[in-house]
């Protein structure tokens, strides 16, 4: 029988003890390590290379999202199951985007966690129904484009950039300080994900953001 090696990461000792005890009682699961914080989790993951990592999100120091990101960066094949109490958008999406394979809630029964371990090990992605629903709704929602992040003032600055105006000329036109104009230009480049003013102007014309 193939033993599934598991690393448990949670800052609550009683949670670690409980989950470890249940999983260790399974004939096909072997808990090979425990960690109470993200930094230790990353080190143990790299050293032990477990088949599955059960990872909490909210921990002191390095949280589960950053730990997931670092583990995947150093070991892209890692299979991480988030086990948390949180269903917030700012927790769910970043965790999955960081590379987590499955997402479970701490309210799940122990048997469901064990089942998720086996399924994830087999290459499946196990998501709580609420998480799956959130992802489906997000996929259906219109995707926000980079220029949607621009403020009204930044649109005005981009219009002047498209006319070939310098930072000083933009400042004079909008009655703002030169330093402020430079900040607006920098923000525009960052939000559009471009390297320089020329690329920003090309982007603007491509997406009909400015007048010819």
C-alpha atoms as a PDB file:
ATOM      1  CA  UNK A   1       0.000   0.000   0.000  1.00  0.00           C
ATOM      2  CA  UNK A   2       1.301   3.457  -0.981  1.00  0.00           C
ATOM      3  CA  UNK A   3       1.640   5.682   2.087  1.00  0.00           C
ATOM      4  CA  UNK A   4       0.712   9.334   1.585  1.00  0.00           C
ATOM      5  CA  UNK A   5       3.175  11.505   3.491  1.00  0.00           C
ATOM      6  CA  UNK A   6       1.608  14.632   4.986  1.00  0.00           C
ATOM      7  CA  UNK A   7       2.951  17.835   6.539  1.00  0.00           C
ATOM      8  CA  UNK A   8       0.526  19.671   8.843  1.00  0.00           C
ATOM      9  CA  UNK A   9       0.891  23.443   9.269  1.00  0.00           C
ATOM     10  CA  UNK A  10      -1.270  25.336  11.792  1.00  0.00           C
ATOM     11  CA  UNK A  11      -0.426  27.766  14.584  1.00  0.00           C
ATOM     12  CA  UNK A  12      -2.991  26.149  16.913  1.00  0.00           C
ATOM     13  CA  UNK A  13      -1.397  23.194  18.661  1.00  0.00           C
ATOM     14  CA  UNK A  14      -4.696  21.476  19.421  1.00  0.00           C
ATOM     15  CA  UNK A  15      -5.668  21.599  15.758  1.00  0.00           C
ATOM     16  CA  UNK A  16      -2.370  20.043  14.757  1.00  0.00           C
ATOM     17  CA  UNK A  17      -2.717  17.344  17.416  1.00  0.00           C
ATOM     18  CA  UNK A  18      -6.289  16.517  16.424  1.00  0.00           C
ATOM     19  CA  UNK A  19      -5.704  16.398  12.667  1.00  0.00           C
ATOM     20  CA  UNK A  20      -2.430  14.503  13.100  1.00  0.00           C
ATOM     21  CA  UNK A  21      -4.048  11.913  15.360  1.00  0.00           C
ATOM     22  CA  UNK A  22      -6.897  11.260  12.950  1.00  0.00           C
ATOM     23  CA  UNK A  23      -4.741  11.094   9.822  1.00  0.00           C
ATOM     24  CA  UNK A  24      -2.115   8.937  11.519  1.00  0.00           C
ATOM     25  CA  UNK A  25      -4.851   6.398  12.309  1.00  0.00           C
ATOM     26  CA  UNK A  26      -5.461   5.958   8.571  1.00  0.00           C
ATOM     27  CA  UNK A  27      -3.729   2.974   7.021  1.00  0.00           C
ATOM     28  CA  UNK A  28      -2.596   4.903   3.950  1.00  0.00           C
ATOM     29  CA  UNK A  29      -1.550   8.251   5.513  1.00  0.00           C
ATOM     30  CA  UNK A  30       1.658   9.042   7.402  1.00  0.00           C
ATOM     31  CA  UNK A  31       2.155  12.424   9.088  1.00  0.00           C
ATOM     32  CA  UNK A  32       5.859  13.165   8.691  1.00  0.00           C
ATOM     33  CA  UNK A  33       6.021  16.675  10.132  1.00  0.00           C
ATOM     34  CA  UNK A  34       4.272  19.605  11.775  1.00  0.00           C
ATOM     35  CA  UNK A  35       4.845  23.353  11.740  1.00  0.00           C
ATOM     36  CA  UNK A  36       3.301  26.280  13.600  1.00  0.00           C
ATOM     37  CA  UNK A  37       4.162  29.073  11.158  1.00  0.00           C
ATOM     38  CA  UNK A  38       4.726  29.753   7.489  1.00  0.00           C
ATOM     39  CA  UNK A  39       8.484  30.147   7.626  1.00  0.00           C
ATOM     40  CA  UNK A  40       8.948  26.752   9.275  1.00  0.00           C
ATOM     41  CA  UNK A  41       6.466  25.268   6.803  1.00  0.00           C
ATOM     42  CA  UNK A  42       8.545  26.408   3.847  1.00  0.00           C
ATOM     43  CA  UNK A  43      11.721  24.922   5.334  1.00  0.00           C
ATOM     44  CA  UNK A  44      10.096  21.587   6.207  1.00  0.00           C
ATOM     45  CA  UNK A  45       8.397  21.382   2.810  1.00  0.00           C
ATOM     46  CA  UNK A  46      11.746  21.814   1.070  1.00  0.00           C
ATOM     47  CA  UNK A  47      13.515  19.356   3.398  1.00  0.00           C
ATOM     48  CA  UNK A  48      10.858  16.629   3.685  1.00  0.00           C
ATOM     49  CA  UNK A  49       9.093  16.919   0.316  1.00  0.00           C
ATOM     50  CA  UNK A  50       5.779  15.526   1.636  1.00  0.00           C
ATOM     51  CA  UNK A  51       3.129  14.286  -0.773  1.00  0.00           C
ATOM     52  CA  UNK A  52       0.554  16.655   0.721  1.00  0.00           C
ATOM     53  CA  UNK A  53       0.833  19.845   2.786  1.00  0.00           C
ATOM     54  CA  UNK A  54      -2.162  20.805   4.946  1.00  0.00           C
ATOM     55  CA  UNK A  55      -1.737  24.539   5.400  1.00  0.00           C
ATOM     56  CA  UNK A  56      -3.556  27.111   7.523  1.00  0.00           C
ATOM     57  CA  UNK A  57      -3.863  30.654   6.147  1.00  0.00           C
ATOM     58  CA  UNK A  58      -3.713  32.928   9.178  1.00  0.00           C
ATOM     59  CA  UNK A  59      -0.535  32.448  11.201  1.00  0.00           C
ATOM     60  CA  UNK A  60       1.937  34.750  12.957  1.00  0.00           C
ATOM     61  CA  UNK A  61       4.836  35.961  10.850  1.00  0.00           C
ATOM     62  CA  UNK A  62       4.570  34.510   7.360  1.00  0.00           C
ATOM     63  CA  UNK A  63       0.948  33.681   6.520  1.00  0.00           C
ATOM     64  CA  UNK A  64      -0.291  30.722   4.519  1.00  0.00           C
ATOM     65  CA  UNK A  65      -0.587  32.619   1.248  1.00  0.00           C
ATOM     66  CA  UNK A  66       3.049  33.711   1.270  1.00  0.00           C
ATOM     67  CA  UNK A  67       4.132  30.259   2.462  1.00  0.00           C
ATOM     68  CA  UNK A  68       2.225  28.706  -0.453  1.00  0.00           C
ATOM     69  CA  UNK A  69       3.845  31.136  -2.848  1.00  0.00           C
ATOM     70  CA  UNK A  70       7.352  30.344  -1.596  1.00  0.00           C
ATOM     71  CA  UNK A  71       6.820  26.595  -1.513  1.00  0.00           C
ATOM     72  CA  UNK A  72       5.505  26.539  -5.081  1.00  0.00           C
ATOM     73  CA  UNK A  73       8.335  28.795  -6.213  1.00  0.00           C
ATOM     74  CA  UNK A  74      10.914  26.379  -4.832  1.00  0.00           C
ATOM     75  CA  UNK A  75       8.965  23.206  -5.588  1.00  0.00           C
ATOM     76  CA  UNK A  76       6.324  23.657  -8.340  1.00  0.00           C
ATOM     77  CA  UNK A  77       5.046  20.091  -7.981  1.00  0.00           C
ATOM     78  CA  UNK A  78       3.992  20.565  -4.337  1.00  0.00           C
ATOM     79  CA  UNK A  79       0.364  19.727  -3.558  1.00  0.00           C
ATOM     80  CA  UNK A  80      -1.042  22.104  -0.965  1.00  0.00           C
ATOM     81  CA  UNK A  81      -4.446  21.846   0.703  1.00  0.00           C
ATOM     82  CA  UNK A  82      -5.546  25.046   2.412  1.00  0.00           C
ATOM     83  CA  UNK A  83      -7.458  24.231   5.603  1.00  0.00           C
ATOM     84  CA  UNK A  84      -8.842  27.432   7.097  1.00  0.00           C
ATOM     85  CA  UNK A  85     -11.808  29.131   8.732  1.00  0.00           C
ATOM     86  CA  UNK A  86     -11.899  31.892   6.118  1.00  0.00           C
ATOM     87  CA  UNK A  87     -13.981  32.215   2.965  1.00  0.00           C
ATOM     88  CA  UNK A  88     -13.125  35.877   2.298  1.00  0.00           C
ATOM     89  CA  UNK A  89     -12.358  36.753  -1.324  1.00  0.00           C
ATOM     90  CA  UNK A  90      -9.051  38.286  -0.256  1.00  0.00           C
ATOM     91  CA  UNK A  91      -8.043  34.910   1.210  1.00  0.00           C
ATOM     92  CA  UNK A  92      -9.545  32.418  -1.268  1.00  0.00           C
ATOM     93  CA  UNK A  93      -8.334  33.857  -4.570  1.00  0.00           C
ATOM     94  CA  UNK A  94      -4.759  34.743  -3.514  1.00  0.00           C
ATOM     95  CA  UNK A  95      -4.296  31.279  -1.988  1.00  0.00           C
ATOM     96  CA  UNK A  96      -5.406  29.507  -5.154  1.00  0.00           C
ATOM     97  CA  UNK A  97      -3.496  31.918  -7.365  1.00  0.00           C
ATOM     98  CA  UNK A  98      -0.380  31.285  -5.253  1.00  0.00           C
ATOM     99  CA  UNK A  99      -0.581  27.613  -6.189  1.00  0.00           C
ATOM    100  CA  UNK A 100      -2.769  25.809  -3.652  1.00  0.00           C
ATOM    101  CA  UNK A 101      -4.427  22.718  -5.137  1.00  0.00           C
ATOM    102  CA  UNK A 102      -7.390  22.309  -2.787  1.00  0.00           C
ATOM    103  CA  UNK A 103      -9.300  24.508  -0.333  1.00  0.00           C
ATOM    104  CA  UNK A 104     -11.078  23.094   2.733  1.00  0.00           C
ATOM    105  CA  UNK A 105     -12.724  24.639   5.778  1.00  0.00           C
ATOM    106  CA  UNK A 106     -11.856  23.771   9.366  1.00  0.00           C
ATOM    107  CA  UNK A 107     -15.539  23.032   9.866  1.00  0.00           C
ATOM    108  CA  UNK A 108     -15.099  20.018   7.563  1.00  0.00           C
ATOM    109  CA  UNK A 109     -15.333  16.622   9.198  1.00  0.00           C
ATOM    110  CA  UNK A 110     -12.066  14.774   9.799  1.00  0.00           C
ATOM    111  CA  UNK A 111     -13.123  12.142   7.286  1.00  0.00           C
ATOM    112  CA  UNK A 112     -13.599  14.839   4.639  1.00  0.00           C
ATOM    113  CA  UNK A 113     -10.074  16.138   5.263  1.00  0.00           C
ATOM    114  CA  UNK A 114      -8.695  12.609   4.864  1.00  0.00           C
ATOM    115  CA  UNK A 115     -10.700  12.205   1.658  1.00  0.00           C
ATOM    116  CA  UNK A 116      -9.315  15.525   0.377  1.00  0.00           C
ATOM    117  CA  UNK A 117      -5.787  14.309   1.127  1.00  0.00           C
ATOM    118  CA  UNK A 118      -6.332  11.158  -0.940  1.00  0.00           C
ATOM    119  CA  UNK A 119      -8.073  12.991  -3.792  1.00  0.00           C
ATOM    120  CA  UNK A 120      -5.453  15.743  -3.968  1.00  0.00           C
ATOM    121  CA  UNK A 121      -2.716  13.116  -3.912  1.00  0.00           C
ATOM    122  CA  UNK A 122      -4.469  11.464  -6.861  1.00  0.00           C
ATOM    123  CA  UNK A 123      -4.287  14.725  -8.808  1.00  0.00           C
ATOM    124  CA  UNK A 124      -7.739  16.146  -8.168  1.00  0.00           C
ATOM    125  CA  UNK A 125      -8.570  19.622  -6.899  1.00  0.00           C
ATOM    126  CA  UNK A 126     -10.992  19.566  -3.966  1.00  0.00           C
ATOM    127  CA  UNK A 127     -12.864  22.790  -3.232  1.00  0.00           C
ATOM    128  CA  UNK A 128     -15.498  23.533  -0.629  1.00  0.00           C
ATOM    129  CA  UNK A 129     -18.874  24.159  -2.368  1.00  0.00           C
ATOM    130  CA  UNK A 130     -18.778  27.811  -1.257  1.00  0.00           C
ATOM    131  CA  UNK A 131     -15.298  28.232  -2.776  1.00  0.00           C
ATOM    132  CA  UNK A 132     -16.295  26.545  -6.025  1.00  0.00           C
ATOM    133  CA  UNK A 133     -19.307  28.863  -6.196  1.00  0.00           C
ATOM    134  CA  UNK A 134     -17.135  31.932  -5.702  1.00  0.00           C
ATOM    135  CA  UNK A 135     -14.811  30.835  -8.498  1.00  0.00           C
ATOM    136  CA  UNK A 136     -17.710  30.216 -10.877  1.00  0.00           C
ATOM    137  CA  UNK A 137     -19.178  33.648 -10.141  1.00  0.00           C
ATOM    138  CA  UNK A 138     -15.809  35.255 -10.684  1.00  0.00           C
ATOM    139  CA  UNK A 139     -15.419  33.494 -14.035  1.00  0.00           C
ATOM    140  CA  UNK A 140     -18.852  34.721 -15.116  1.00  0.00           C
ATOM    141  CA  UNK A 141     -18.175  38.309 -14.044  1.00  0.00           C
ATOM    142  CA  UNK A 142     -16.765  40.745 -16.621  1.00  0.00           C
ATOM    143  CA  UNK A 143     -13.006  40.821 -16.313  1.00  0.00           C
ATOM    144  CA  UNK A 144     -11.562  44.126 -15.160  1.00  0.00           C
ATOM    145  CA  UNK A 145      -9.012  45.594 -17.540  1.00  0.00           C
ATOM    146  CA  UNK A 146      -5.858  47.401 -16.505  1.00  0.00           C
ATOM    147  CA  UNK A 147      -7.130  50.835 -17.571  1.00  0.00           C
ATOM    148  CA  UNK A 148     -10.229  50.418 -15.391  1.00  0.00           C
ATOM    149  CA  UNK A 149      -7.895  51.149 -12.479  1.00  0.00           C
ATOM    150  CA  UNK A 150      -7.037  54.627 -13.754  1.00  0.00           C
ATOM    151  CA  UNK A 151      -8.515  57.600 -11.919  1.00  0.00           C
ATOM    152  CA  UNK A 152     -10.202  60.472 -13.733  1.00  0.00           C
ATOM    153  CA  UNK A 153      -7.088  62.608 -13.274  1.00  0.00           C
ATOM    154  CA  UNK A 154      -4.863  59.849 -14.611  1.00  0.00           C
ATOM    155  CA  UNK A 155      -7.049  59.645 -17.707  1.00  0.00           C
ATOM    156  CA  UNK A 156      -6.500  63.380 -18.200  1.00  0.00           C
ATOM    157  CA  UNK A 157      -2.746  62.946 -17.826  1.00  0.00           C
ATOM    158  CA  UNK A 158      -2.766  60.030 -20.274  1.00  0.00           C
ATOM    159  CA  UNK A 159      -4.620  62.187 -22.794  1.00  0.00           C
ATOM    160  CA  UNK A 160      -1.905  64.834 -22.557  1.00  0.00           C
ATOM    161  CA  UNK A 161       0.820  62.171 -22.758  1.00  0.00           C
ATOM    162  CA  UNK A 162      -0.742  60.995 -26.015  1.00  0.00           C
ATOM    163  CA  UNK A 163      -0.323  64.534 -27.315  1.00  0.00           C
ATOM    164  CA  UNK A 164       3.396  64.372 -26.663  1.00  0.00           C
ATOM    165  CA  UNK A 165       3.337  66.729 -23.674  1.00  0.00           C
ATOM    166  CA  UNK A 166       6.262  66.682 -21.261  1.00  0.00           C
ATOM    167  CA  UNK A 167       5.783  66.341 -17.525  1.00  0.00           C
ATOM    168  CA  UNK A 168       6.229  70.089 -17.103  1.00  0.00           C
ATOM    169  CA  UNK A 169       3.684  70.821 -19.813  1.00  0.00           C
ATOM    170  CA  UNK A 170       1.228  68.410 -18.208  1.00  0.00           C
ATOM    171  CA  UNK A 171       1.746  70.117 -14.848  1.00  0.00           C
ATOM    172  CA  UNK A 172       1.150  73.556 -16.392  1.00  0.00           C
ATOM    173  CA  UNK A 173      -1.950  72.398 -18.279  1.00  0.00           C
ATOM    174  CA  UNK A 174      -3.563  70.833 -15.202  1.00  0.00           C
ATOM    175  CA  UNK A 175      -2.310  73.473 -12.724  1.00  0.00           C
ATOM    176  CA  UNK A 176      -0.484  70.909 -10.610  1.00  0.00           C
ATOM    177  CA  UNK A 177       3.068  70.644  -9.347  1.00  0.00           C
ATOM    178  CA  UNK A 178       5.696  69.008 -11.540  1.00  0.00           C
ATOM    179  CA  UNK A 179       6.267  66.412  -8.828  1.00  0.00           C
ATOM    180  CA  UNK A 180       2.554  65.552  -8.847  1.00  0.00           C
ATOM    181  CA  UNK A 181       2.572  65.181 -12.633  1.00  0.00           C
ATOM    182  CA  UNK A 182       5.498  62.762 -12.379  1.00  0.00           C
ATOM    183  CA  UNK A 183       3.628  60.722  -9.776  1.00  0.00           C
ATOM    184  CA  UNK A 184       0.573  60.504 -12.054  1.00  0.00           C
ATOM    185  CA  UNK A 185       2.723  59.347 -14.966  1.00  0.00           C
ATOM    186  CA  UNK A 186       4.430  56.751 -12.783  1.00  0.00           C
ATOM    187  CA  UNK A 187       1.063  55.485 -11.524  1.00  0.00           C
ATOM    188  CA  UNK A 188      -0.242  55.203 -15.069  1.00  0.00           C
ATOM    189  CA  UNK A 189       2.739  53.139 -16.184  1.00  0.00           C
ATOM    190  CA  UNK A 190       2.345  50.866 -13.178  1.00  0.00           C
ATOM    191  CA  UNK A 191      -1.389  50.332 -13.571  1.00  0.00           C
ATOM    192  CA  UNK A 192      -1.144  49.676 -17.306  1.00  0.00           C
ATOM    193  CA  UNK A 193       1.806  47.349 -16.784  1.00  0.00           C
ATOM    194  CA  UNK A 194       4.013  49.131 -19.325  1.00  0.00           C
ATOM    195  CA  UNK A 195       7.655  50.190 -19.186  1.00  0.00           C
ATOM    196  CA  UNK A 196       7.600  53.717 -20.594  1.00  0.00           C
ATOM    197  CA  UNK A 197       5.482  56.597 -21.883  1.00  0.00           C
ATOM    198  CA  UNK A 198       5.547  55.326 -25.471  1.00  0.00           C
ATOM    199  CA  UNK A 199       4.072  51.975 -24.472  1.00  0.00           C
ATOM    200  CA  UNK A 200       1.459  53.773 -22.377  1.00  0.00           C
ATOM    201  CA  UNK A 201       0.387  55.882 -25.352  1.00  0.00           C
ATOM    202  CA  UNK A 202       0.252  52.817 -27.623  1.00  0.00           C
ATOM    203  CA  UNK A 203      -1.932  51.094 -25.024  1.00  0.00           C
ATOM    204  CA  UNK A 204      -4.166  54.157 -24.819  1.00  0.00           C
ATOM    205  CA  UNK A 205      -4.786  54.306 -28.570  1.00  0.00           C
ATOM    206  CA  UNK A 206      -5.260  50.529 -28.800  1.00  0.00           C
ATOM    207  CA  UNK A 207      -8.023  50.658 -26.189  1.00  0.00           C
ATOM    208  CA  UNK A 208      -9.576  53.936 -27.442  1.00  0.00           C
ATOM    209  CA  UNK A 209      -8.763  55.760 -24.228  1.00  0.00           C
ATOM    210  CA  UNK A 210      -7.660  58.992 -25.881  1.00  0.00           C
ATOM    211  CA  UNK A 211      -8.798  61.237 -28.683  1.00  0.00           C
ATOM    212  CA  UNK A 212      -6.792  61.439 -31.892  1.00  0.00           C
END
